Amino acid sequence: MQSATPQQIRSSFINASRSEAAKLTLPKDFDSLDWESLDFLGWRDAKMPLRGYLVVPGPKGLTGIMLRAPEGGARKNRSVLCELCRDVFSKEDVLLWVARRAGQPGRDGNTVGTLICADFLCCANVRKEPPASEINPDPAVVVKRQILGLQDRTDQFLSRVRGT
């Protein structure tokens, strides 16, 4: 992912009002992000922990969506797989993040949701080589396949938010 300015990020949101986008809190480490290791920028709002954001690069520029997490966080004693990274080795919490649909359907209250790592660690998860005992092919090939899968599933979720 190429680096982006705060203004580019705020103007990319397709399911948030201008005032909502203007009020969002950028990640604490925004100025030191390793953009090259990101397939998307995802973070939780430090001021409103039940709110998250996902900004995805595409051929027409950035697309941002505002998400909402459930009250109470992740359910304990239950393993859930993130739909984006599908990291079976991660011990991180996974939440059902819900996004208002873009345009009139969103204004009418329609939403879509998917299971995503609670702290949006998907980009790092797909770059971890799996344990050698778990795979036969070259680990680099597995990592590349995981990255492509993450990008594809993220695009599919964005399409559902757009309604396309």
C-alpha atoms as a PDB file:
ATOM      1  CA  MET A   1       0.000   0.000   0.000  1.00  0.00           C
ATOM      2  CA  GLN A   2       1.277   3.471  -0.793  1.00  0.00           C
ATOM      3  CA  SER A   3       1.433   6.034   1.970  1.00  0.00           C
ATOM      4  CA  ALA A   4      -1.553   8.319   2.394  1.00  0.00           C
ATOM      5  CA  THR A   5      -2.152  11.632   4.064  1.00  0.00           C
ATOM      6  CA  PRO A   6      -4.735  12.148   6.798  1.00  0.00           C
ATOM      7  CA  GLN A   7      -6.818  14.169   4.319  1.00  0.00           C
ATOM      8  CA  GLN A   8      -6.734  11.374   1.715  1.00  0.00           C
ATOM      9  CA  ILE A   9      -7.857   8.897   4.343  1.00  0.00           C
ATOM     10  CA  ARG A  10     -10.669  11.102   5.656  1.00  0.00           C
ATOM     11  CA  SER A  11     -11.992  11.775   2.153  1.00  0.00           C
ATOM     12  CA  SER A  12     -11.991   8.064   1.200  1.00  0.00           C
ATOM     13  CA  PHE A  13     -14.944   6.959   3.347  1.00  0.00           C
ATOM     14  CA  ILE A  14     -17.967   5.718   1.427  1.00  0.00           C
ATOM     15  CA  ASN A  15     -20.264   4.972   4.376  1.00  0.00           C
ATOM     16  CA  ALA A  16     -19.562   7.872   6.725  1.00  0.00           C
ATOM     17  CA  SER A  17     -20.691  11.482   6.684  1.00  0.00           C
ATOM     18  CA  ARG A  18     -18.120  14.217   6.224  1.00  0.00           C
ATOM     19  CA  SER A  19     -18.421  15.150   9.880  1.00  0.00           C
ATOM     20  CA  GLU A  20     -17.909  11.536  10.991  1.00  0.00           C
ATOM     21  CA  ALA A  21     -14.832  11.254   8.779  1.00  0.00           C
ATOM     22  CA  ALA A  22     -13.486  14.585  10.036  1.00  0.00           C
ATOM     23  CA  LYS A  23     -13.842  13.470  13.675  1.00  0.00           C
ATOM     24  CA  LEU A  24     -12.125  10.096  13.314  1.00  0.00           C
ATOM     25  CA  THR A  25      -8.961   9.549  15.300  1.00  0.00           C
ATOM     26  CA  LEU A  26      -6.060   8.284  13.209  1.00  0.00           C
ATOM     27  CA  PRO A  27      -3.877   5.461  14.551  1.00  0.00           C
ATOM     28  CA  LYS A  28      -1.349   6.502  17.237  1.00  0.00           C
ATOM     29  CA  ASP A  29       1.526   5.256  15.110  1.00  0.00           C
ATOM     30  CA  PHE A  30       0.285   6.891  11.884  1.00  0.00           C
ATOM     31  CA  ASP A  31       3.522   8.802  11.227  1.00  0.00           C
ATOM     32  CA  SER A  32       5.639   5.648  11.561  1.00  0.00           C
ATOM     33  CA  LEU A  33       3.478   3.141   9.648  1.00  0.00           C
ATOM     34  CA  ASP A  34       5.307   0.653   7.431  1.00  0.00           C
ATOM     35  CA  TRP A  35       3.063   1.258   4.417  1.00  0.00           C
ATOM     36  CA  GLU A  36       4.825  -1.341   2.265  1.00  0.00           C
ATOM     37  CA  SER A  37       3.752  -4.152   4.590  1.00  0.00           C
ATOM     38  CA  LEU A  38       0.081  -3.098   4.555  1.00  0.00           C
ATOM     39  CA  ASP A  39      -2.569  -4.438   2.201  1.00  0.00           C
ATOM     40  CA  PHE A  40      -5.055  -2.159   3.931  1.00  0.00           C
ATOM     41  CA  LEU A  41      -4.952   0.259   6.835  1.00  0.00           C
ATOM     42  CA  GLY A  42      -7.193  -0.892   9.653  1.00  0.00           C
ATOM     43  CA  TRP A  43      -7.456   0.466  13.182  1.00  0.00           C
ATOM     44  CA  ARG A  44      -9.716   1.019  16.153  1.00  0.00           C
ATOM     45  CA  ASP A  45     -10.628   4.541  17.153  1.00  0.00           C
ATOM     46  CA  ALA A  46      -8.807   5.330  20.422  1.00  0.00           C
ATOM     47  CA  LYS A  47     -11.608   7.676  21.519  1.00  0.00           C
ATOM     48  CA  MET A  48     -14.444   5.297  20.561  1.00  0.00           C
ATOM     49  CA  PRO A  49     -13.156   1.697  20.908  1.00  0.00           C
ATOM     50  CA  LEU A  50     -16.306   0.186  19.392  1.00  0.00           C
ATOM     51  CA  ARG A  51     -15.553   2.016  16.158  1.00  0.00           C
ATOM     52  CA  GLY A  52     -13.032   0.800  13.622  1.00  0.00           C
ATOM     53  CA  TYR A  53     -11.889   1.850  10.188  1.00  0.00           C
ATOM     54  CA  LEU A  54     -10.687   0.009   7.130  1.00  0.00           C
ATOM     55  CA  VAL A  55      -8.987   1.895   4.268  1.00  0.00           C
ATOM     56  CA  VAL A  56      -8.213  -0.172   1.195  1.00  0.00           C
ATOM     57  CA  PRO A  57      -6.211   0.853  -1.880  1.00  0.00           C
ATOM     58  CA  GLY A  58      -7.701   0.166  -5.281  1.00  0.00           C
ATOM     59  CA  PRO A  59      -7.367   1.117  -8.925  1.00  0.00           C
ATOM     60  CA  LYS A  60      -9.494   4.242  -8.355  1.00  0.00           C
ATOM     61  CA  GLY A  61      -7.706   5.279  -5.151  1.00  0.00           C
ATOM     62  CA  LEU A  62      -8.480   4.655  -1.503  1.00  0.00           C
ATOM     63  CA  THR A  63     -11.809   3.334  -0.238  1.00  0.00           C
ATOM     64  CA  GLY A  64     -12.549   3.718   3.446  1.00  0.00           C
ATOM     65  CA  ILE A  65     -15.325   2.173   5.487  1.00  0.00           C
ATOM     66  CA  MET A  66     -16.368   2.872   9.034  1.00  0.00           C
ATOM     67  CA  LEU A  67     -17.118  -0.206  11.151  1.00  0.00           C
ATOM     68  CA  ARG A  68     -18.784  -0.901  14.463  1.00  0.00           C
ATOM     69  CA  ALA A  69     -17.850  -3.681  16.909  1.00  0.00           C
ATOM     70  CA  PRO A  70     -20.303  -5.424  19.218  1.00  0.00           C
ATOM     71  CA  GLU A  71     -20.791  -4.268  22.789  1.00  0.00           C
ATOM     72  CA  GLY A  72     -18.822  -6.449  25.189  1.00  0.00           C
ATOM     73  CA  GLY A  73     -16.122  -7.470  22.728  1.00  0.00           C
ATOM     74  CA  ALA A  74     -15.287 -11.007  21.682  1.00  0.00           C
ATOM     75  CA  ARG A  75     -16.994 -13.984  23.243  1.00  0.00           C
ATOM     76  CA  LYS A  76     -14.628 -15.941  25.419  1.00  0.00           C
ATOM     77  CA  ASN A  77     -14.083 -19.696  25.169  1.00  0.00           C
ATOM     78  CA  ARG A  78     -14.884 -19.662  21.470  1.00  0.00           C
ATOM     79  CA  SER A  79     -12.457 -19.735  18.570  1.00  0.00           C
ATOM     80  CA  VAL A  80     -13.487 -17.708  15.563  1.00  0.00           C
ATOM     81  CA  LEU A  81     -11.597 -17.373  12.287  1.00  0.00           C
ATOM     82  CA  CYS A  82     -11.067 -13.931  10.751  1.00  0.00           C
ATOM     83  CA  GLU A  83     -12.725 -13.885   7.350  1.00  0.00           C
ATOM     84  CA  LEU A  84     -10.049 -11.615   5.859  1.00  0.00           C
ATOM     85  CA  CYS A  85      -6.731 -13.178   6.895  1.00  0.00           C
ATOM     86  CA  ARG A  86      -8.002 -16.657   7.841  1.00  0.00           C
ATOM     87  CA  ASP A  87      -4.997 -17.090  10.125  1.00  0.00           C
ATOM     88  CA  VAL A  88      -5.513 -20.404  11.888  1.00  0.00           C
ATOM     89  CA  PHE A  89      -2.478 -19.849  14.148  1.00  0.00           C
ATOM     90  CA  SER A  90      -3.476 -16.424  15.519  1.00  0.00           C
ATOM     91  CA  LYS A  91      -4.535 -16.178  19.146  1.00  0.00           C
ATOM     92  CA  GLU A  92      -5.993 -12.694  18.634  1.00  0.00           C
ATOM     93  CA  ASP A  93      -9.655 -11.928  19.267  1.00  0.00           C
ATOM     94  CA  VAL A  94     -11.957 -11.801  16.258  1.00  0.00           C
ATOM     95  CA  LEU A  95     -15.069  -9.619  16.226  1.00  0.00           C
ATOM     96  CA  LEU A  96     -18.117  -9.289  14.018  1.00  0.00           C
ATOM     97  CA  TRP A  97     -17.432  -5.859  12.557  1.00  0.00           C
ATOM     98  CA  VAL A  98     -20.513  -4.270  10.980  1.00  0.00           C
ATOM     99  CA  ALA A  99     -20.513  -1.538   8.329  1.00  0.00           C
ATOM    100  CA  ARG A 100     -23.357   0.653   7.146  1.00  0.00           C
ATOM    101  CA  ARG A 101     -23.889   0.186   3.434  1.00  0.00           C
ATOM    102  CA  ALA A 102     -22.842   3.050   1.203  1.00  0.00           C
ATOM    103  CA  GLY A 103     -25.388   5.498  -0.178  1.00  0.00           C
ATOM    104  CA  GLN A 104     -29.130   5.359   0.323  1.00  0.00           C
ATOM    105  CA  PRO A 105     -29.214   1.752   1.590  1.00  0.00           C
ATOM    106  CA  GLY A 106     -26.920   2.779   4.455  1.00  0.00           C
ATOM    107  CA  ARG A 107     -29.021   5.844   5.214  1.00  0.00           C
ATOM    108  CA  ASP A 108     -32.013   3.471   5.355  1.00  0.00           C
ATOM    109  CA  GLY A 109     -30.207   1.448   8.039  1.00  0.00           C
ATOM    110  CA  ASN A 110     -28.902  -1.478   5.962  1.00  0.00           C
ATOM    111  CA  THR A 111     -25.637  -2.999   7.155  1.00  0.00           C
ATOM    112  CA  VAL A 112     -23.243  -5.808   6.303  1.00  0.00           C
ATOM    113  CA  GLY A 113     -20.822  -7.514   8.625  1.00  0.00           C
ATOM    114  CA  THR A 114     -17.908  -9.876   8.629  1.00  0.00           C
ATOM    115  CA  LEU A 115     -15.524 -11.423  11.123  1.00  0.00           C
ATOM    116  CA  ILE A 116     -12.265  -9.452  11.315  1.00  0.00           C
ATOM    117  CA  CYS A 117      -9.357  -9.501  13.757  1.00  0.00           C
ATOM    118  CA  ALA A 118     -10.304  -7.237  16.664  1.00  0.00           C
ATOM    119  CA  ASP A 119      -7.223  -5.052  16.216  1.00  0.00           C
ATOM    120  CA  PHE A 120      -6.948  -5.378  12.402  1.00  0.00           C
ATOM    121  CA  LEU A 121      -3.702  -7.374  12.500  1.00  0.00           C
ATOM    122  CA  CYS A 122      -4.548  -9.215   9.271  1.00  0.00           C
ATOM    123  CA  CYS A 123      -1.718  -7.719   7.188  1.00  0.00           C
ATOM    124  CA  ALA A 124       0.866  -8.932   9.701  1.00  0.00           C
ATOM    125  CA  ASN A 125      -0.863 -12.300  10.103  1.00  0.00           C
ATOM    126  CA  VAL A 126      -0.672 -13.205   6.408  1.00  0.00           C
ATOM    127  CA  ARG A 127       3.028 -12.329   6.319  1.00  0.00           C
ATOM    128  CA  LYS A 128       3.956 -14.842   9.026  1.00  0.00           C
ATOM    129  CA  GLU A 129       5.446 -17.996   7.635  1.00  0.00           C
ATOM    130  CA  PRO A 130       3.540 -21.013   8.873  1.00  0.00           C
ATOM    131  CA  PRO A 131       5.399 -23.571  10.971  1.00  0.00           C
ATOM    132  CA  ALA A 132       7.588 -25.763   8.751  1.00  0.00           C
ATOM    133  CA  SER A 133       5.948 -28.910  10.041  1.00  0.00           C
ATOM    134  CA  GLU A 134       2.572 -27.669   8.822  1.00  0.00           C
ATOM    135  CA  ILE A 135       3.410 -27.168   5.144  1.00  0.00           C
ATOM    136  CA  ASN A 136       5.079 -28.874   2.236  1.00  0.00           C
ATOM    137  CA  PRO A 137       5.496 -26.034  -0.284  1.00  0.00           C
ATOM    138  CA  ASP A 138       7.964 -23.182  -0.031  1.00  0.00           C
ATOM    139  CA  PRO A 139       6.912 -20.874   2.871  1.00  0.00           C
ATOM    140  CA  ALA A 140       7.379 -17.790   0.647  1.00  0.00           C
ATOM    141  CA  VAL A 141       4.820 -19.211  -1.789  1.00  0.00           C
ATOM    142  CA  VAL A 142       2.390 -19.777   1.077  1.00  0.00           C
ATOM    143  CA  VAL A 143       2.845 -16.188   2.322  1.00  0.00           C
ATOM    144  CA  LYS A 144       2.268 -14.798  -1.184  1.00  0.00           C
ATOM    145  CA  ARG A 145      -0.908 -16.894  -1.537  1.00  0.00           C
ATOM    146  CA  GLN A 146      -2.109 -15.668   1.876  1.00  0.00           C
ATOM    147  CA  ILE A 147      -1.520 -12.021   0.901  1.00  0.00           C
ATOM    148  CA  LEU A 148      -3.444 -12.441  -2.368  1.00  0.00           C
ATOM    149  CA  GLY A 149      -6.288 -14.145  -0.486  1.00  0.00           C
ATOM    150  CA  LEU A 150      -6.439 -11.286   2.028  1.00  0.00           C
ATOM    151  CA  GLN A 151      -6.609  -8.726  -0.776  1.00  0.00           C
ATOM    152  CA  ASP A 152      -9.340 -10.658  -2.590  1.00  0.00           C
ATOM    153  CA  ARG A 153     -11.512 -11.183   0.498  1.00  0.00           C
ATOM    154  CA  THR A 154     -11.100  -7.528   1.519  1.00  0.00           C
ATOM    155  CA  ASP A 155     -12.253  -6.430  -1.951  1.00  0.00           C
ATOM    156  CA  GLN A 156     -15.259  -8.758  -1.693  1.00  0.00           C
ATOM    157  CA  PHE A 157     -16.271  -7.203   1.639  1.00  0.00           C
ATOM    158  CA  LEU A 158     -15.910  -3.695   0.177  1.00  0.00           C
ATOM    159  CA  SER A 159     -18.140  -4.712  -2.731  1.00  0.00           C
ATOM    160  CA  ARG A 160     -20.799  -5.834  -0.254  1.00  0.00           C
ATOM    161  CA  VAL A 161     -20.601  -2.472   1.546  1.00  0.00           C
ATOM    162  CA  ARG A 162     -20.885  -0.652  -1.801  1.00  0.00           C
ATOM    163  CA  GLY A 163     -23.783  -2.871  -2.816  1.00  0.00           C
ATOM    164  CA  THR A 164     -22.102  -3.913  -6.059  1.00  0.00           C
END
